[in-house]
Amino acid sequence: MSDGTISRDTVFYVEQVVFLVEDTLFKVPRRPFEERSEVFRDMFSLPSVGLTADPEGHSDEHPIRLEGVKADDFRALLKYMFPQWATSHSRTLSATEWVSILKLSRMWSMTKSQTSAIQKLESLLGEDPIRRILLAKEYDIQNWLSRAYVQLASRKEPLNAKDAASLGYECAFKIVEVRERAYEIMFTKLCGDCTRRVASSTDPQANRRRYFLEPQYPAFEEVIEREPKKHPITIVNLTELVKEVFGM
């Protein structure tokens, strides 16, 4: 060994950090947290408090406590940050785990991790507009909202009580308003000789819905024949209606 000063390699000397999350200790490489998050860079740069020779994060006895964080959420983030440590059956992250990653990466300003989570959830959520709306509102993903509102307004099944409770009644009423206005526009576009029948009806609104939603009525058959995979309401520009009703 040389008598000169010994130095730590700048790349291959991995410093560890110990976190306490709820009642679980995690010991992981420190550098990825510094590289991904200004929050952690600032945290690690703070001077040690007190006279102890064992600073926070250097041992199980003096971990860095991450208050307000769930261990399962943090574990999901670590699986994303350190995939080489995950067992083969757990390397594929679930939608729930990606939501955890989104939550923590947003909390700690991990921009790239947040973007990855949003992109992955975009495909994992599939045709689940209600969950998409709830996540978009909670995590401020504005470009999800318009599409999800359109999906809800154009589906064949109306909103039920469970949907309304999940969305909140103000949001649910606006979805209903979009559908009602879309039916009005659709009626105007499609209905020719039915105008007189609807006008003479004692319940025009009910008659219009029957005309467009029940298969035995001609307007429904005409649209289905032209575009068999689409609901008749899709001939209306629902995106513009959504923007107007929701003030987007």
Protein backbone atom coordinates (compact mmCIF):
# COMPACT_ATOMS: atom_id res chain seq x y z
CA MET A 1 0.00 0.00 0.00
CA SER A 2 1.26 3.47 -0.86
CA ASP A 3 2.19 5.78 1.99
CA GLY A 4 0.31 8.57 0.22
CA THR A 5 -3.19 9.80 1.00
CA ILE A 6 -5.93 7.24 0.32
CA SER A 7 -8.89 8.55 -1.67
CA ARG A 8 -12.32 7.20 -2.52
CA ASP A 9 -13.03 6.41 -6.15
CA THR A 10 -15.48 8.94 -7.60
CA VAL A 11 -17.57 6.25 -9.33
CA PHE A 12 -17.05 2.89 -7.64
CA TYR A 13 -17.27 3.90 -4.02
CA VAL A 14 -20.97 3.56 -3.30
CA GLU A 15 -22.22 5.43 -0.27
CA GLN A 16 -25.29 3.94 1.40
CA VAL A 17 -28.15 5.70 3.14
CA VAL A 18 -30.59 4.27 5.69
CA PHE A 19 -34.23 5.39 5.67
CA LEU A 20 -36.93 4.62 8.21
CA VAL A 21 -40.37 4.50 6.61
CA GLU A 22 -43.19 3.68 9.02
CA ASP A 23 -41.65 0.77 10.96
CA THR A 24 -39.33 -0.52 8.21
CA LEU A 25 -35.65 0.24 7.57
CA PHE A 26 -34.35 0.54 4.01
CA LYS A 27 -30.64 0.71 3.16
CA VAL A 28 -29.92 1.73 -0.43
CA PRO A 29 -27.31 3.57 -2.51
CA ARG A 30 -27.48 7.29 -1.90
CA ARG A 31 -26.35 8.60 -5.29
CA PRO A 32 -29.53 7.80 -7.30
CA PHE A 33 -31.55 9.91 -4.86
CA GLU A 34 -29.13 12.82 -5.23
CA GLU A 35 -29.17 12.52 -9.02
CA ARG A 36 -32.95 12.35 -9.34
CA SER A 37 -34.16 14.75 -6.67
CA GLU A 38 -33.19 18.22 -5.52
CA VAL A 39 -35.15 17.52 -2.35
CA PHE A 40 -32.77 14.71 -1.41
CA ARG A 41 -29.70 16.65 -2.50
CA ASP A 42 -30.68 19.40 -0.08
CA MET A 43 -31.53 16.87 2.63
CA PHE A 44 -28.15 15.17 2.38
CA SER A 45 -26.30 18.49 2.42
CA LEU A 46 -27.77 19.54 5.78
CA PRO A 47 -25.26 19.51 8.65
CA SER A 48 -25.66 16.86 11.33
CA VAL A 49 -27.55 17.94 14.43
CA GLY A 50 -25.95 17.30 17.82
CA LEU A 51 -22.58 15.92 18.79
CA THR A 52 -23.08 12.32 17.61
CA ALA A 53 -20.37 10.89 15.38
CA ASP A 54 -23.04 8.89 13.58
CA PRO A 55 -24.98 11.27 11.29
CA GLU A 56 -28.55 10.57 10.22
CA GLY A 57 -28.80 8.01 7.46
CA HIS A 58 -25.48 6.30 8.21
CA SER A 59 -26.74 3.48 10.43
CA ASP A 60 -29.82 1.56 11.54
CA GLU A 61 -29.62 3.39 14.87
CA HIS A 62 -29.79 6.83 13.23
CA PRO A 63 -31.84 6.52 10.03
CA ILE A 64 -33.38 9.35 8.04
CA ARG A 65 -37.07 9.29 8.90
CA LEU A 66 -39.42 9.85 5.97
CA GLU A 67 -42.54 11.09 7.70
CA GLY A 68 -45.92 10.80 6.01
CA VAL A 69 -44.72 8.11 3.59
CA LYS A 70 -46.06 4.56 3.44
CA ALA A 71 -43.57 1.69 3.35
CA ASP A 72 -45.40 0.04 0.43
CA ASP A 73 -45.20 3.24 -1.61
CA PHE A 74 -41.49 3.64 -0.90
CA ARG A 75 -40.85 -0.02 -1.73
CA ALA A 76 -42.53 0.47 -5.12
CA LEU A 77 -40.30 3.48 -5.83
CA LEU A 78 -37.21 1.44 -4.92
CA LYS A 79 -38.29 -1.39 -7.23
CA TYR A 80 -38.42 1.19 -10.02
CA MET A 81 -35.09 2.83 -9.08
CA PHE A 82 -33.23 -0.45 -8.45
CA PRO A 83 -34.82 -3.07 -10.74
CA GLN A 84 -31.73 -5.28 -10.49
CA TRP A 85 -32.62 -6.00 -6.86
CA ALA A 86 -36.18 -7.08 -7.52
CA THR A 87 -36.90 -10.79 -7.75
CA SER A 88 -37.90 -12.10 -11.17
CA HIS A 89 -41.60 -12.40 -10.25
CA SER A 90 -41.77 -8.84 -8.87
CA ARG A 91 -39.98 -6.88 -11.59
CA THR A 92 -43.23 -6.12 -13.39
CA LEU A 93 -44.80 -3.20 -11.57
CA SER A 94 -48.57 -3.12 -11.10
CA ALA A 95 -50.79 -0.11 -11.73
CA THR A 96 -51.03 0.38 -7.95
CA GLU A 97 -47.23 0.45 -7.68
CA TRP A 98 -46.97 2.95 -10.53
CA VAL A 99 -49.43 5.18 -8.67
CA SER A 100 -47.12 4.95 -5.64
CA ILE A 101 -44.16 5.93 -7.84
CA LEU A 102 -46.15 8.85 -9.24
CA LYS A 103 -47.11 10.00 -5.75
CA LEU A 104 -43.58 9.96 -4.32
CA SER A 105 -41.80 11.24 -7.41
CA ARG A 106 -44.17 14.21 -7.44
CA MET A 107 -43.62 14.78 -3.71
CA TRP A 108 -39.83 14.74 -4.12
CA SER A 109 -39.60 16.51 -7.51
CA MET A 110 -38.30 13.47 -9.39
CA THR A 111 -39.33 14.77 -12.79
CA LYS A 112 -38.17 11.87 -14.95
CA SER A 113 -39.66 9.28 -12.62
CA GLN A 114 -42.95 11.19 -12.60
CA THR A 115 -43.02 11.28 -16.40
CA SER A 116 -42.30 7.54 -16.60
CA ALA A 117 -45.11 6.79 -14.15
CA ILE A 118 -47.63 8.88 -16.09
CA GLN A 119 -46.67 7.22 -19.38
CA LYS A 120 -46.92 3.74 -17.90
CA LEU A 121 -50.25 4.42 -16.22
CA GLU A 122 -51.60 5.78 -19.50
CA SER A 123 -51.46 2.26 -20.93
CA LEU A 124 -52.17 0.31 -17.73
CA LEU A 125 -55.40 2.12 -16.89
CA GLY A 126 -56.89 1.28 -20.27
CA GLU A 127 -60.60 2.02 -20.55
CA ASP A 128 -61.10 3.14 -16.95
CA PRO A 129 -62.05 6.82 -17.30
CA ILE A 130 -63.22 7.24 -13.71
CA ARG A 131 -59.91 6.14 -12.19
CA ARG A 132 -58.10 8.24 -14.79
CA ILE A 133 -60.10 11.32 -13.75
CA LEU A 134 -59.46 10.75 -10.05
CA LEU A 135 -55.70 10.35 -10.59
CA ALA A 136 -55.57 13.31 -12.96
CA LYS A 137 -57.18 15.54 -10.34
CA GLU A 138 -55.04 14.26 -7.48
CA TYR A 139 -51.75 14.54 -9.34
CA ASP A 140 -52.54 17.43 -11.69
CA ILE A 141 -52.36 15.48 -14.98
CA GLN A 142 -54.41 17.93 -17.02
CA ASN A 143 -54.06 16.22 -20.40
CA TRP A 144 -55.89 13.13 -19.10
CA LEU A 145 -59.07 14.93 -18.13
CA SER A 146 -60.60 15.90 -21.47
CA ARG A 147 -60.22 12.42 -22.96
CA ALA A 148 -61.61 10.74 -19.83
CA TYR A 149 -64.63 13.07 -19.73
CA VAL A 150 -65.32 12.27 -23.39
CA GLN A 151 -65.06 8.54 -22.67
CA LEU A 152 -67.64 8.83 -19.90
CA ALA A 153 -70.00 11.03 -21.88
CA SER A 154 -69.94 8.72 -24.91
CA ARG A 155 -70.28 5.33 -23.25
CA LYS A 156 -73.57 3.52 -23.70
CA GLU A 157 -74.20 3.01 -19.99
CA PRO A 158 -75.31 6.12 -18.08
CA LEU A 159 -73.58 7.17 -14.88
CA ASN A 160 -74.85 5.28 -11.86
CA ALA A 161 -74.87 6.22 -8.18
CA LYS A 162 -71.50 4.56 -7.56
CA ASP A 163 -69.91 6.50 -10.44
CA ALA A 164 -71.35 9.77 -9.14
CA ALA A 165 -70.09 9.10 -5.62
CA SER A 166 -66.59 8.35 -6.95
CA LEU A 167 -66.43 11.38 -9.21
CA GLY A 168 -68.18 13.81 -6.91
CA TYR A 169 -71.64 15.06 -7.76
CA GLU A 170 -70.55 18.31 -9.40
CA CYS A 171 -68.38 16.42 -11.88
CA ALA A 172 -71.09 13.79 -12.44
CA PHE A 173 -73.73 16.46 -13.17
CA LYS A 174 -71.42 18.05 -15.73
CA ILE A 175 -70.96 14.69 -17.48
CA VAL A 176 -74.75 14.37 -17.60
CA GLU A 177 -74.98 17.90 -19.02
CA VAL A 178 -72.50 17.00 -21.77
CA ARG A 179 -74.58 13.94 -22.68
CA GLU A 180 -77.85 15.89 -22.68
CA ARG A 181 -76.45 18.64 -24.88
CA ALA A 182 -74.86 16.07 -27.19
CA TYR A 183 -78.22 14.35 -27.64
CA GLU A 184 -79.78 17.70 -28.53
CA ILE A 185 -77.13 18.33 -31.17
CA MET A 186 -77.34 14.76 -32.44
CA PHE A 187 -81.10 15.04 -32.75
CA THR A 188 -80.78 18.21 -34.80
CA LYS A 189 -78.19 16.65 -37.10
CA LEU A 190 -79.85 13.31 -37.69
CA CYS A 191 -83.56 13.87 -37.41
CA GLY A 192 -85.44 14.82 -40.53
CA ASP A 193 -88.99 13.58 -40.70
CA CYS A 194 -88.96 12.73 -36.97
CA THR A 195 -89.16 16.43 -36.07
CA ARG A 196 -92.92 16.50 -36.32
CA ARG A 197 -93.27 13.35 -34.23
CA VAL A 198 -91.06 14.69 -31.45
CA ALA A 199 -92.66 18.12 -31.49
CA SER A 200 -96.10 16.59 -31.04
CA SER A 201 -94.99 14.31 -28.22
CA THR A 202 -96.09 15.06 -24.67
CA ASP A 203 -92.55 14.16 -23.54
CA PRO A 204 -90.11 15.33 -26.26
CA GLN A 205 -86.97 14.52 -24.24
CA ALA A 206 -88.01 10.92 -23.64
CA ASN A 207 -89.04 10.51 -27.27
CA ARG A 208 -85.66 11.79 -28.46
CA ARG A 209 -83.78 9.35 -26.28
CA ARG A 210 -85.91 6.48 -27.53
CA TYR A 211 -85.38 7.56 -31.12
CA PHE A 212 -81.61 7.52 -30.84
CA LEU A 213 -80.89 4.82 -28.26
CA GLU A 214 -83.31 2.02 -29.09
CA PRO A 215 -82.25 -0.16 -32.05
CA GLN A 216 -85.70 -0.28 -33.65
CA TYR A 217 -85.63 3.46 -34.31
CA PRO A 218 -84.34 4.57 -37.74
CA ALA A 219 -81.77 7.18 -36.69
CA PHE A 220 -79.92 4.61 -34.57
CA GLU A 221 -79.90 2.12 -37.44
CA GLU A 222 -78.59 4.71 -39.90
CA VAL A 223 -75.62 5.66 -37.71
CA ILE A 224 -74.80 2.05 -36.80
CA GLU A 225 -74.83 1.12 -40.46
CA ARG A 226 -72.34 3.91 -41.28
CA GLU A 227 -70.07 3.39 -38.26
CA PRO A 228 -70.96 0.07 -36.59
CA LYS A 229 -68.38 0.35 -33.78
CA LYS A 230 -69.43 3.79 -32.59
CA HIS A 231 -72.24 5.01 -30.35
CA PRO A 232 -74.49 7.48 -32.26
CA ILE A 233 -73.52 10.26 -29.85
CA THR A 234 -69.98 10.23 -31.26
CA ILE A 235 -71.09 12.19 -34.32
CA VAL A 236 -71.10 15.19 -31.97
CA ASN A 237 -67.82 16.98 -31.21
CA LEU A 238 -67.76 15.87 -27.59
CA THR A 239 -64.29 17.29 -26.96
CA GLU A 240 -65.53 20.82 -27.62
CA LEU A 241 -68.64 20.24 -25.50
CA VAL A 242 -66.51 18.93 -22.63
CA LYS A 243 -64.23 21.96 -22.79
CA GLU A 244 -67.23 24.28 -22.73
CA VAL A 245 -69.10 22.56 -19.89
CA PHE A 246 -66.01 22.03 -17.72
CA GLY A 247 -64.49 25.43 -18.52
CA MET A 248 -61.26 23.92 -19.84
